[in-house]
Amino acid sequence: MGTDLHELLRSLRVWDVELPSFDPATAPEDPLALFTRWFAEAVAAGQTEPHTMSLATADADGTPDVRVVMLHGADARGWAFATHADSRKGRQLAVRPNAALNFYWPVQGRQVRVRGPVTAAPSAEGQADLHARSTGALAAALTGRQSQVLESAEELARASPEAWERARREPDAPVPSWTLYHLRPQEVEFFQGDAGRRHVRLVYRREGEGWTRQLLWP
């Protein structure tokens, strides 16, 4: 017999662990400070790949798209990620330069949602970001053609070793299409799950050069 998806879904439980508490009254004025604190706590709690996040964009017709990418940094300019400018998400950002991010750390029952406009960093900054990463990251970038149709697995099998060889030989090899993006948040929401379903949701909204804070119903 095949798997009964609905039965399997009903059998699953969430947050079957002791979750941390969160008092929003203790939250700092700037969401980046709270994000940094929660991120460090996720790492300390043993969360797998806490630096991965869902990135949502939309195409020219407004059709949404989402995928998991890696956080490359966060500072006063915003949350940073990178991709090829001619990839699907790069093309979408070129026509609709707004995006949303979502971090989910189930070990602690926490989510962080970020949304706002996106800008591309100068090319030199993008290249520096790429060359600070692993040899594998550079090899993947050198392989290129992200999101294009792959005619066969053999085609990738030929291109990948060549890219790896060049990445090892030229650790500073340029990849002109590689672009670092900054999402400047207009809204950041922090969600702390609660086993009793009394979840805490604290949202920061940009107001001028500062932030307002509000609680949301779960």
Foldseek 3Di string as FASTA:
>chain_A
DDDDVVVVVVPDDAPPDDADDDDCVPDDFDVVVVVVVVLVVLVVLVFPQQQKKKKWFAALVRHIDIDIFGFLDADQQATKGKDFCPAPVNNRCVNVQKMKIWGARRSRQKMKIFIAGKDWDPQVVQLVSQLVDDLQSQLVLVLDPHNHDDPDPVVVVVSSVVSSVVCVVCSSDDRRRMIMMGGNGQKMWMWGQDPVRQIWIKMWGDDPPGTDIDTDGD
